[in-house]
Amino acid sequence: MLKYTYNKDFGISKVDMQLYLGRFLDEKITYLYR
């Protein structure tokens, strides 16, 4: 939540944040099930 507020101050939209989080989670899942 704090990171989202921090990034929002730099003009990063909610959709961009969701895409970023989705990519991060995909990488974690790929790493766990490698």
C-alpha atoms as a PDB file:
ATOM      1  CA  MET A   1       0.000   0.000   0.000  1.00  0.00           C
ATOM      2  CA  LEU A   2       2.813   2.383   0.875  1.00  0.00           C
ATOM      3  CA  LYS A   3       4.621   1.471  -2.339  1.00  0.00           C
ATOM      4  CA  TYR A   4       1.462   2.103  -4.384  1.00  0.00           C
ATOM      5  CA  THR A   5       1.063   5.568  -2.834  1.00  0.00           C
ATOM      6  CA  TYR A   6       4.744   6.300  -3.464  1.00  0.00           C
ATOM      7  CA  ASN A   7       4.504   5.277  -7.111  1.00  0.00           C
ATOM      8  CA  LYS A   8       1.186   7.066  -7.592  1.00  0.00           C
ATOM      9  CA  ASP A   9       2.940  10.326  -6.703  1.00  0.00           C
ATOM     10  CA  PHE A  10       5.145   9.737  -9.753  1.00  0.00           C
ATOM     11  CA  GLY A  11       2.139   9.359 -12.044  1.00  0.00           C
ATOM     12  CA  ILE A  12       1.999   5.583 -12.270  1.00  0.00           C
ATOM     13  CA  SER A  13      -1.607   4.566 -12.823  1.00  0.00           C
ATOM     14  CA  LYS A  14      -3.464   1.821 -10.983  1.00  0.00           C
ATOM     15  CA  VAL A  15      -3.506  -0.352 -14.104  1.00  0.00           C
ATOM     16  CA  ASP A  16       0.263  -0.060 -14.497  1.00  0.00           C
ATOM     17  CA  MET A  17       0.668  -1.057 -10.859  1.00  0.00           C
ATOM     18  CA  GLN A  18      -1.549  -4.111 -11.378  1.00  0.00           C
ATOM     19  CA  LEU A  19       0.514  -5.120 -14.416  1.00  0.00           C
ATOM     20  CA  TYR A  20       3.721  -4.687 -12.417  1.00  0.00           C
ATOM     21  CA  LEU A  21       2.406  -6.748  -9.502  1.00  0.00           C
ATOM     22  CA  GLY A  22       1.099  -9.397 -11.893  1.00  0.00           C
ATOM     23  CA  ARG A  23       4.495  -9.694 -13.565  1.00  0.00           C
ATOM     24  CA  PHE A  24       6.200  -9.910 -10.159  1.00  0.00           C
ATOM     25  CA  LEU A  25       3.837 -12.671  -9.019  1.00  0.00           C
ATOM     26  CA  ASP A  26       4.297 -14.563 -12.303  1.00  0.00           C
ATOM     27  CA  GLU A  27       8.071 -14.505 -11.823  1.00  0.00           C
ATOM     28  CA  LYS A  28       7.715 -15.745  -8.227  1.00  0.00           C
ATOM     29  CA  ILE A  29       5.384 -18.568  -9.288  1.00  0.00           C
ATOM     30  CA  THR A  30       7.692 -19.528 -12.155  1.00  0.00           C
ATOM     31  CA  TYR A  31      10.631 -19.592  -9.737  1.00  0.00           C
ATOM     32  CA  LEU A  32       8.772 -21.720  -7.197  1.00  0.00           C
ATOM     33  CA  TYR A  33       7.632 -24.285  -9.763  1.00  0.00           C
ATOM     34  CA  ARG A  34      10.784 -24.360 -11.844  1.00  0.00           C
END
